[in-house]
Amino acid sequence: GSLQYADTDLFFGMVNAVAGKAKVPVAL
C-alpha cells in the first residue's frame, strides 16, 4: 500500500540517503 503512494525507487532513495550517513546497520 505504501508503494502505491510512493514507489520502490523513491523509498529506496530516501532510505539509502539517510542510511548512507548513519554509523549503524540499516536494512530496507
PDB file of all heavy atoms in Angstrom:
ATOM      1  N   GLY A   1       0.817  -1.211   0.000  1.00  0.00           N
ATOM      2  CA  GLY A   1       0.000   0.000   0.000  1.00  0.00           C
ATOM      3  C   GLY A   1       0.846   1.254   0.000  1.00  0.00           C
ATOM      4  O   GLY A   1       0.546   2.226  -0.711  1.00  0.00           O
ATOM      5  N   SER A   2       1.920   1.255   0.795  1.00  0.00           N
ATOM      6  CA  SER A   2       2.825   2.406   0.813  1.00  0.00           C
ATOM      7  C   SER A   2       3.472   2.591  -0.546  1.00  0.00           C
ATOM      8  O   SER A   2       3.744   3.724  -0.974  1.00  0.00           O
ATOM      9  CB  SER A   2       3.898   2.205   1.883  1.00  0.00           C
ATOM     10  OG  SER A   2       3.317   2.106   3.166  1.00  0.00           O
ATOM     11  N   LEU A   3       3.720   1.482  -1.238  1.00  0.00           N
ATOM     12  CA  LEU A   3       4.381   1.545  -2.536  1.00  0.00           C
ATOM     13  C   LEU A   3       3.437   1.967  -3.652  1.00  0.00           C
ATOM     14  O   LEU A   3       3.875   2.215  -4.775  1.00  0.00           O
ATOM     15  CB  LEU A   3       5.029   0.196  -2.852  1.00  0.00           C
ATOM     16  CG  LEU A   3       6.161  -0.180  -1.892  1.00  0.00           C
ATOM     17  CD1 LEU A   3       6.674  -1.583  -2.172  1.00  0.00           C
ATOM     18  CD2 LEU A   3       7.303   0.833  -1.961  1.00  0.00           C
ATOM     19  N   GLN A   4       2.152   2.057  -3.351  1.00  0.00           N
ATOM     20  CA  GLN A   4       1.214   2.675  -4.282  1.00  0.00           C
ATOM     21  C   GLN A   4       1.228   4.193  -4.103  1.00  0.00           C
ATOM     22  O   GLN A   4       0.900   4.950  -5.021  1.00  0.00           O
ATOM     23  CB  GLN A   4      -0.196   2.131  -4.054  1.00  0.00           C
ATOM     24  CG  GLN A   4      -0.357   0.671  -4.442  1.00  0.00           C
ATOM     25  CD  GLN A   4      -1.731   0.119  -4.086  1.00  0.00           C
ATOM     26  OE1 GLN A   4      -2.607   0.858  -3.631  1.00  0.00           O
ATOM     27  NE2 GLN A   4      -1.924  -1.171  -4.268  1.00  0.00           N
ATOM     28  N   TYR A   5       1.627   4.626  -2.910  1.00  0.00           N
ATOM     29  CA  TYR A   5       1.717   6.054  -2.591  1.00  0.00           C
ATOM     30  C   TYR A   5       3.010   6.644  -3.144  1.00  0.00           C
ATOM     31  O   TYR A   5       3.035   7.745  -3.693  1.00  0.00           O
ATOM     32  CB  TYR A   5       1.638   6.214  -1.075  1.00  0.00           C
ATOM     33  CG  TYR A   5       1.710   7.624  -0.563  1.00  0.00           C
ATOM     34  CD1 TYR A   5       0.655   8.513  -0.754  1.00  0.00           C
ATOM     35  CD2 TYR A   5       2.830   8.066   0.135  1.00  0.00           C
ATOM     36  CE1 TYR A   5       0.719   9.817  -0.272  1.00  0.00           C
ATOM     37  CE2 TYR A   5       2.904   9.362   0.621  1.00  0.00           C
ATOM     38  CZ  TYR A   5       1.849  10.234   0.420  1.00  0.00           C
ATOM     39  OH  TYR A   5       1.907  11.519   0.897  1.00  0.00           O
ATOM     40  N   ALA A   6       4.112   5.901  -2.968  1.00  0.00           N
ATOM     41  CA  ALA A   6       5.427   6.287  -3.498  1.00  0.00           C
ATOM     42  C   ALA A   6       6.157   4.993  -3.826  1.00  0.00           C
ATOM     43  O   ALA A   6       6.234   4.098  -2.988  1.00  0.00           O
ATOM     44  CB  ALA A   6       6.206   7.098  -2.471  1.00  0.00           C
ATOM     45  N   ASP A   7       6.693   4.868  -5.015  1.00  0.00           N
ATOM     46  CA  ASP A   7       7.179   3.561  -5.460  1.00  0.00           C
ATOM     47  C   ASP A   7       8.508   3.151  -4.832  1.00  0.00           C
ATOM     48  O   ASP A   7       9.104   3.895  -4.041  1.00  0.00           O
ATOM     49  CB  ASP A   7       7.237   3.481  -6.988  1.00  0.00           C
ATOM     50  CG  ASP A   7       8.328   4.366  -7.592  1.00  0.00           C
ATOM     51  OD1 ASP A   7       9.196   4.871  -6.853  1.00  0.00           O
ATOM     52  OD2 ASP A   7       8.303   4.541  -8.829  1.00  0.00           O
ATOM     53  N   THR A   8       8.958   1.958  -5.195  1.00  0.00           N
ATOM     54  CA  THR A   8      10.164   1.380  -4.584  1.00  0.00           C
ATOM     55  C   THR A   8      11.403   2.230  -4.829  1.00  0.00           C
ATOM     56  O   THR A   8      12.269   2.332  -3.956  1.00  0.00           O
ATOM     57  CB  THR A   8      10.409  -0.044  -5.112  1.00  0.00           C
ATOM     58  OG1 THR A   8      10.439  -0.016  -6.556  1.00  0.00           O
ATOM     59  CG2 THR A   8       9.320  -0.998  -4.653  1.00  0.00           C
ATOM     60  N   ASP A   9      11.507   2.848  -5.989  1.00  0.00           N
ATOM     61  CA  ASP A   9      12.679   3.678  -6.270  1.00  0.00           C
ATOM     62  C   ASP A   9      12.751   4.874  -5.325  1.00  0.00           C
ATOM     63  O   ASP A   9      13.824   5.225  -4.833  1.00  0.00           O
ATOM     64  CB  ASP A   9      12.642   4.190  -7.719  1.00  0.00           C
ATOM     65  CG  ASP A   9      12.937   3.108  -8.740  1.00  0.00           C
ATOM     66  OD1 ASP A   9      13.513   2.066  -8.358  1.00  0.00           O
ATOM     67  OD2 ASP A   9      12.582   3.300  -9.922  1.00  0.00           O
ATOM     68  N   LEU A  10      11.608   5.490  -5.065  1.00  0.00           N
ATOM     69  CA  LEU A  10      11.590   6.667  -4.200  1.00  0.00           C
ATOM     70  C   LEU A  10      11.898   6.288  -2.751  1.00  0.00           C
ATOM     71  O   LEU A  10      12.697   6.954  -2.081  1.00  0.00           O
ATOM     72  CB  LEU A  10      10.242   7.384  -4.293  1.00  0.00           C
ATOM     73  CG  LEU A  10      10.115   8.703  -3.507  1.00  0.00           C
ATOM     74  CD1 LEU A  10      11.255   9.659  -3.840  1.00  0.00           C
ATOM     75  CD2 LEU A  10       8.782   9.361  -3.801  1.00  0.00           C
ATOM     76  N   PHE A  11      11.274   5.214  -2.265  1.00  0.00           N
ATOM     77  CA  PHE A  11      11.561   4.799  -0.892  1.00  0.00           C
ATOM     78  C   PHE A  11      13.023   4.366  -0.748  1.00  0.00           C
ATOM     79  O   PHE A  11      13.678   4.682   0.249  1.00  0.00           O
ATOM     80  CB  PHE A  11      10.627   3.671  -0.452  1.00  0.00           C
ATOM     81  CG  PHE A  11       9.370   4.173   0.201  1.00  0.00           C
ATOM     82  CD1 PHE A  11       8.151   4.100  -0.447  1.00  0.00           C
ATOM     83  CD2 PHE A  11       9.403   4.733   1.471  1.00  0.00           C
ATOM     84  CE1 PHE A  11       6.996   4.579   0.148  1.00  0.00           C
ATOM     85  CE2 PHE A  11       8.255   5.210   2.078  1.00  0.00           C
ATOM     86  CZ  PHE A  11       7.035   5.125   1.414  1.00  0.00           C
ATOM     87  N   PHE A  12      13.534   3.637  -1.742  1.00  0.00           N
ATOM     88  CA  PHE A  12      14.951   3.259  -1.682  1.00  0.00           C
ATOM     89  C   PHE A  12      15.830   4.498  -1.634  1.00  0.00           C
ATOM     90  O   PHE A  12      16.778   4.571  -0.846  1.00  0.00           O
ATOM     91  CB  PHE A  12      15.346   2.400  -2.890  1.00  0.00           C
ATOM     92  CG  PHE A  12      16.838   2.178  -2.965  1.00  0.00           C
ATOM     93  CD1 PHE A  12      17.454   1.220  -2.176  1.00  0.00           C
ATOM     94  CD2 PHE A  12      17.629   2.963  -3.809  1.00  0.00           C
ATOM     95  CE1 PHE A  12      18.835   1.038  -2.218  1.00  0.00           C
ATOM     96  CE2 PHE A  12      18.998   2.794  -3.857  1.00  0.00           C
ATOM     97  CZ  PHE A  12      19.613   1.816  -3.064  1.00  0.00           C
ATOM     98  N   GLY A  13      15.516   5.485  -2.469  1.00  0.00           N
ATOM     99  CA  GLY A  13      16.320   6.693  -2.497  1.00  0.00           C
ATOM    100  C   GLY A  13      16.362   7.395  -1.148  1.00  0.00           C
ATOM    101  O   GLY A  13      17.427   7.823  -0.685  1.00  0.00           O
ATOM    102  N   MET A  14      15.197   7.499  -0.489  1.00  0.00           N
ATOM    103  CA  MET A  14      15.142   8.154   0.821  1.00  0.00           C
ATOM    104  C   MET A  14      15.921   7.374   1.868  1.00  0.00           C
ATOM    105  O   MET A  14      16.746   7.930   2.605  1.00  0.00           O
ATOM    106  CB  MET A  14      13.683   8.307   1.272  1.00  0.00           C
ATOM    107  CG  MET A  14      12.897   9.363   0.528  1.00  0.00           C
ATOM    108  SD  MET A  14      11.311   9.737   1.323  1.00  0.00           S
ATOM    109  CE  MET A  14      10.445   8.170   1.172  1.00  0.00           C
ATOM    110  N   VAL A  15      15.643   6.064   1.953  1.00  0.00           N
ATOM    111  CA  VAL A  15      16.281   5.252   2.990  1.00  0.00           C
ATOM    112  C   VAL A  15      17.789   5.155   2.747  1.00  0.00           C
ATOM    113  O   VAL A  15      18.591   5.267   3.684  1.00  0.00           O
ATOM    114  CB  VAL A  15      15.648   3.856   3.047  1.00  0.00           C
ATOM    115  CG1 VAL A  15      16.377   2.968   4.062  1.00  0.00           C
ATOM    116  CG2 VAL A  15      14.163   3.949   3.416  1.00  0.00           C
ATOM    117  N   ASN A  16      18.179   4.987   1.508  1.00  0.00           N
ATOM    118  CA  ASN A  16      19.603   4.880   1.190  1.00  0.00           C
ATOM    119  C   ASN A  16      20.342   6.165   1.527  1.00  0.00           C
ATOM    120  O   ASN A  16      21.471   6.138   2.040  1.00  0.00           O
ATOM    121  CB  ASN A  16      19.773   4.536  -0.289  1.00  0.00           C
ATOM    122  CG  ASN A  16      21.197   4.168  -0.646  1.00  0.00           C
ATOM    123  OD1 ASN A  16      21.818   3.347   0.018  1.00  0.00           O
ATOM    124  ND2 ASN A  16      21.713   4.778  -1.695  1.00  0.00           N
ATOM    125  N   ALA A  17      19.714   7.296   1.260  1.00  0.00           N
ATOM    126  CA  ALA A  17      20.345   8.588   1.550  1.00  0.00           C
ATOM    127  C   ALA A  17      20.547   8.778   3.050  1.00  0.00           C
ATOM    128  O   ALA A  17      21.608   9.227   3.498  1.00  0.00           O
ATOM    129  CB  ALA A  17      19.496   9.731   0.991  1.00  0.00           C
ATOM    130  N   VAL A  18      19.535   8.429   3.838  1.00  0.00           N
ATOM    131  CA  VAL A  18      19.632   8.590   5.297  1.00  0.00           C
ATOM    132  C   VAL A  18      20.577   7.546   5.891  1.00  0.00           C
ATOM    133  O   VAL A  18      21.423   7.860   6.738  1.00  0.00           O
ATOM    134  CB  VAL A  18      18.236   8.499   5.941  1.00  0.00           C
ATOM    135  CG1 VAL A  18      18.342   8.614   7.458  1.00  0.00           C
ATOM    136  CG2 VAL A  18      17.330   9.605   5.405  1.00  0.00           C
ATOM    137  N   ALA A  19      20.452   6.300   5.450  1.00  0.00           N
ATOM    138  CA  ALA A  19      21.304   5.227   5.972  1.00  0.00           C
ATOM    139  C   ALA A  19      22.764   5.440   5.605  1.00  0.00           C
ATOM    140  O   ALA A  19      23.666   5.062   6.365  1.00  0.00           O
ATOM    141  CB  ALA A  19      20.826   3.879   5.439  1.00  0.00           C
ATOM    142  N   GLY A  20      22.997   6.068   4.441  1.00  0.00           N
ATOM    143  CA  GLY A  20      24.371   6.288   3.997  1.00  0.00           C
ATOM    144  C   GLY A  20      25.171   7.179   4.929  1.00  0.00           C
ATOM    145  O   GLY A  20      26.405   7.118   4.944  1.00  0.00           O
ATOM    146  N   LYS A  21      24.481   7.980   5.717  1.00  0.00           N
ATOM    147  CA  LYS A  21      25.158   8.871   6.667  1.00  0.00           C
ATOM    148  C   LYS A  21      25.163   8.297   8.086  1.00  0.00           C
ATOM    149  O   LYS A  21      25.693   8.927   9.004  1.00  0.00           O
ATOM    150  CB  LYS A  21      24.473  10.236   6.662  1.00  0.00           C
ATOM    151  CG  LYS A  21      24.562  10.946   5.312  1.00  0.00           C
ATOM    152  CD  LYS A  21      23.834  12.280   5.345  1.00  0.00           C
ATOM    153  CE  LYS A  21      23.904  12.976   3.984  1.00  0.00           C
ATOM    154  NZ  LYS A  21      23.157  14.265   3.985  1.00  0.00           N
ATOM    155  N   ALA A  22      24.569   7.133   8.264  1.00  0.00           N
ATOM    156  CA  ALA A  22      24.474   6.525   9.599  1.00  0.00           C
ATOM    157  C   ALA A  22      25.655   5.606   9.871  1.00  0.00           C
ATOM    158  O   ALA A  22      26.273   5.064   8.952  1.00  0.00           O
ATOM    159  CB  ALA A  22      23.178   5.738   9.717  1.00  0.00           C
ATOM    160  N   LYS A  23      25.929   5.413  11.153  1.00  0.00           N
ATOM    161  CA  LYS A  23      27.011   4.514  11.564  1.00  0.00           C
ATOM    162  C   LYS A  23      26.484   3.146  11.978  1.00  0.00           C
ATOM    163  O   LYS A  23      27.254   2.236  12.253  1.00  0.00           O
ATOM    164  CB  LYS A  23      27.796   5.146  12.718  1.00  0.00           C
ATOM    165  CG  LYS A  23      28.503   6.437  12.342  1.00  0.00           C
ATOM    166  CD  LYS A  23      29.213   7.036  13.543  1.00  0.00           C
ATOM    167  CE  LYS A  23      29.896   8.354  13.153  1.00  0.00           C
ATOM    168  NZ  LYS A  23      30.562   9.000  14.326  1.00  0.00           N
ATOM    169  N   VAL A  24      25.166   3.010  12.027  1.00  0.00           N
ATOM    170  CA  VAL A  24      24.554   1.748  12.440  1.00  0.00           C
ATOM    171  C   VAL A  24      24.054   1.002  11.200  1.00  0.00           C
ATOM    172  O   VAL A  24      23.762   1.612  10.163  1.00  0.00           O
ATOM    173  CB  VAL A  24      23.378   1.992  13.409  1.00  0.00           C
ATOM    174  CG1 VAL A  24      23.861   2.658  14.691  1.00  0.00           C
ATOM    175  CG2 VAL A  24      22.282   2.825  12.745  1.00  0.00           C
ATOM    176  N   PRO A  25      23.930  -0.341  11.283  1.00  0.00           N
ATOM    177  CA  PRO A  25      23.419  -1.094  10.139  1.00  0.00           C
ATOM    178  C   PRO A  25      21.923  -0.882   9.930  1.00  0.00           C
ATOM    179  O   PRO A  25      21.133  -0.981  10.866  1.00  0.00           O
ATOM    180  CB  PRO A  25      23.743  -2.548  10.497  1.00  0.00           C
ATOM    181  CG  PRO A  25      24.021  -2.571  11.950  1.00  0.00           C
ATOM    182  CD  PRO A  25      24.406  -1.200  12.361  1.00  0.00           C
ATOM    183  N   VAL A  26      21.555  -0.577   8.687  1.00  0.00           N
ATOM    184  CA  VAL A  26      20.163  -0.361   8.309  1.00  0.00           C
ATOM    185  C   VAL A  26      19.843  -1.247   7.112  1.00  0.00           C
ATOM    186  O   VAL A  26      20.591  -1.272   6.133  1.00  0.00           O
ATOM    187  CB  VAL A  26      19.901   1.118   7.928  1.00  0.00           C
ATOM    188  CG1 VAL A  26      18.435   1.321   7.552  1.00  0.00           C
ATOM    189  CG2 VAL A  26      20.305   2.059   9.054  1.00  0.00           C
ATOM    190  N   ALA A  27      18.739  -1.985   7.188  1.00  0.00           N
ATOM    191  CA  ALA A  27      18.266  -2.790   6.063  1.00  0.00           C
ATOM    192  C   ALA A  27      16.944  -2.226   5.577  1.00  0.00           C
ATOM    193  O   ALA A  27      16.168  -1.667   6.362  1.00  0.00           O
ATOM    194  CB  ALA A  27      18.099  -4.254   6.477  1.00  0.00           C
ATOM    195  N   LEU A  28      16.685  -2.387   4.290  1.00  0.00           N
ATOM    196  CA  LEU A  28      15.405  -1.949   3.704  1.00  0.00           C
ATOM    197  C   LEU A  28      14.650  -3.185   3.237  1.00  0.00           C
ATOM    198  O   LEU A  28      15.125  -3.934   2.388  1.00  0.00           O
ATOM    199  CB  LEU A  28      15.642  -0.993   2.536  1.00  0.00           C
ATOM    200  CG  LEU A  28      14.400  -0.522   1.773  1.00  0.00           C
ATOM    201  CD1 LEU A  28      13.405   0.160   2.709  1.00  0.00           C
ATOM    202  CD2 LEU A  28      14.792   0.418   0.639  1.00  0.00           C
TER     203      LEU A  28
END
